[in-house]
Amino acid sequence: MTALKAKSSKLKARPKVLVFAGYGLNCEEETKFAFDYVGAEADIVHINDLIENPKLFAKYQIAAVPGGFAYGDDLGSGRAYGLKLKNHLGKELEKFLERDTLMIGICNGFQVLTASGILPGALLENSSNRYLDRWVDLKVTGKSPWLKGIKKLSIPIAHGEGRYFMQPKELAKLKKEGRIALKYEKGEMAKLLNLPGNPNGAIADIAGITGYNGRVLGLMPHPERGMFFTQRPDWTNIREKLLRAGKPIPTEAVGIEIFRNAVKYFV
């Protein structure tokens, strides 16, 4: 699928979000909650319902492929679901992305977007050959409506095949086009937990990339699991420091800003 320049068409009503579901995707409820919390109107829709009635895409301005273990990661993470999207809904997705729409793929959803050809590259087994569940630090290195106003963030990962890879020539093109959106770095969480900044051996420390002029974002970390202050592993320590300094205790964490940016794009 090729990137096309879209014309802006801002909405006055709450933007509607299509959250894909089915066959092992298991983060749809959290993803819906995140969008609803920031003012969108999200629906969880099974992929079979979209195949049966592809006109449903016309109702939505945002599409999200959440995390999980689609098809039990048979054939490789995200591959079976990605091929189902490509083979049954490829034309409809192309039409959806030709409009002034946004799309995000989180963790398994990122794997689905690469497997379907919406985003380039591949997600391979972690260099440790182990499933990883930890917090990581990210720096924003590309432009995207999803990442507007965000420079750094700390959110969790949970994957066994999160090592982003592409051939050197294609990687150079990705860099030149400014499509590397997020990079792992050794920041506050990595130092706190005494862990490497790059958790999985991703080439060029890549944690997320964009397509369609930044309107499509794929990332391995889970922003929906880092929406609130109390989700941070160090929140009690930070709370005590803030209390002693007489400062207010925050409710939200930076992960929620990714979803809020998507809503702001349309209102």
Foldseek 3Di string as FASTA:
>chain_A
DAFDAADADFDPAAFEEEEEDDQWADCSVLVQCLLVVLGHHYDYDYVVVCLVPVVVLVRGQEYEYEHTQHNVQVVHQLQVVLVCCQVRPVVSVVVSLNYNHAYEAEASGLQSCCNNPVDDWHFAFFPVQDWDWFKAKKAFQADALLQPPHGIFIFIFTGGGGATDDDPVVVVVQVVVRFQTMFFQCDDRCVVVVHGRQGGNHVVRGQWTAHNRRRYIYGRGDLSQQFFLVSDPCSVVVVVVCVVVVHDRGGTGPSSSSSSSNRVSRD
